[in-house]
Amino acid sequence: MISRRLVRIKTLQTLYSWKQSQEVPLTQFSKELFERLTLVHECYLFLLDFPYQLREFALAKQDFEKGKYYPSKEKMDHYSLLNGTKLLDQVHNQTLHAGYYGFNWSDSENHFEQWFNDLKGYDFSKDYSIFFTPNADQQKEFLENTYYAFLETHEAFNNAIEEVYPVWFDDAPFTVRDILKTMELSKSLDSLNIKSGIRASDEEAVWASQILKDTIENSDAYEKLISEVTQNWDPSRIAVMDLLILKMTLTEFLHCPEIPIRVTINEYLEITKNYSTPNSSKFVNGIMDKLRIELESRGEIHKTGRGLK
């Protein structure tokens, strides 16, 4: 399952593409939106496989050293940190089966030496290195620490991921949470809680497609309504992102009876803070409230379900 907020973000990004190329058929943008949602899962698998790829790099270094006439035991020991982490094989096999077709670790191989050295420098790695054959719990704890260290605190690593996946920083909070949750919920080496990919028939994909379709098809009517409540504001003078966020808000007000008004407003205000101008949040909040009052006065907002009527 993909977060509703991330679905909103991917829909907003797709609407921005539509705004730049409105002559392209709606079906093309629906396809683009689904591809964006699919890439979220592929990036999750790609990063889940990172420690395995780092171990493969270290094993190659050890093999290279073994092939020398006078191999250095010190160098071989240096690259042996991950040798006993058998859980990596299970993670790799499952991510390989699920497939992250849009990504390739070969694009980042030039960073592996530094990343391996950085990993060895963490205190949790020094503690882990004392185990010759770490058990399942020790391996899980080590991998959780590894994911957290690189995904949450390693700026250079995150910048390198952005080079491969330009919208990485949009996805990062959600993907990091999913990876850590995968490790936390995995009960054994043979039973990993790998998150499933999104399908076109899934609720989140259907909902995203509907938000996109309703927002595009009602775009002109939404602009007229926004113009009515903004008085001296011409929609053409409103920042593009602000206008798109307001239109998506209207779609949820009018076409998503199951979503409370307050949830819609809070979600889009958070998105505004991250995706529009520094002063946009206050402006967008004011317009959202005016739109709500206007539509409620017309009796056009219909919310159903417990606590929503």
Foldseek 3Di string as FASTA:
>chain_A
DADLLLLVVLLLVLVVVCVVPVVDDLVVSLVVSVVVQQLLLLVLLVLLLVVVVLLVVLVVQLVVQVPDPDRDPVSNLLSCLCVQLPLSVLSVVVSVVQDSPLFDCVLVVVCSVVLSVVLCPDPLSVVSSVDPHDAFVSSLVSSLVSLCCQLPPNPVSQVSVCVSPVCCVSSSVVSSVQSSVQSVPQDGSNGTPRDHGDDCPDPSSVVSSVLSVQLVVCVVVQQVLLCVQVPVDRVVPDPPSLSSLSSSLVCCQQPVQADANVNSLVSSLVVCCVPHDVPSSVVSSVSSVSSVVVCVVVVRGHHDDPPRD
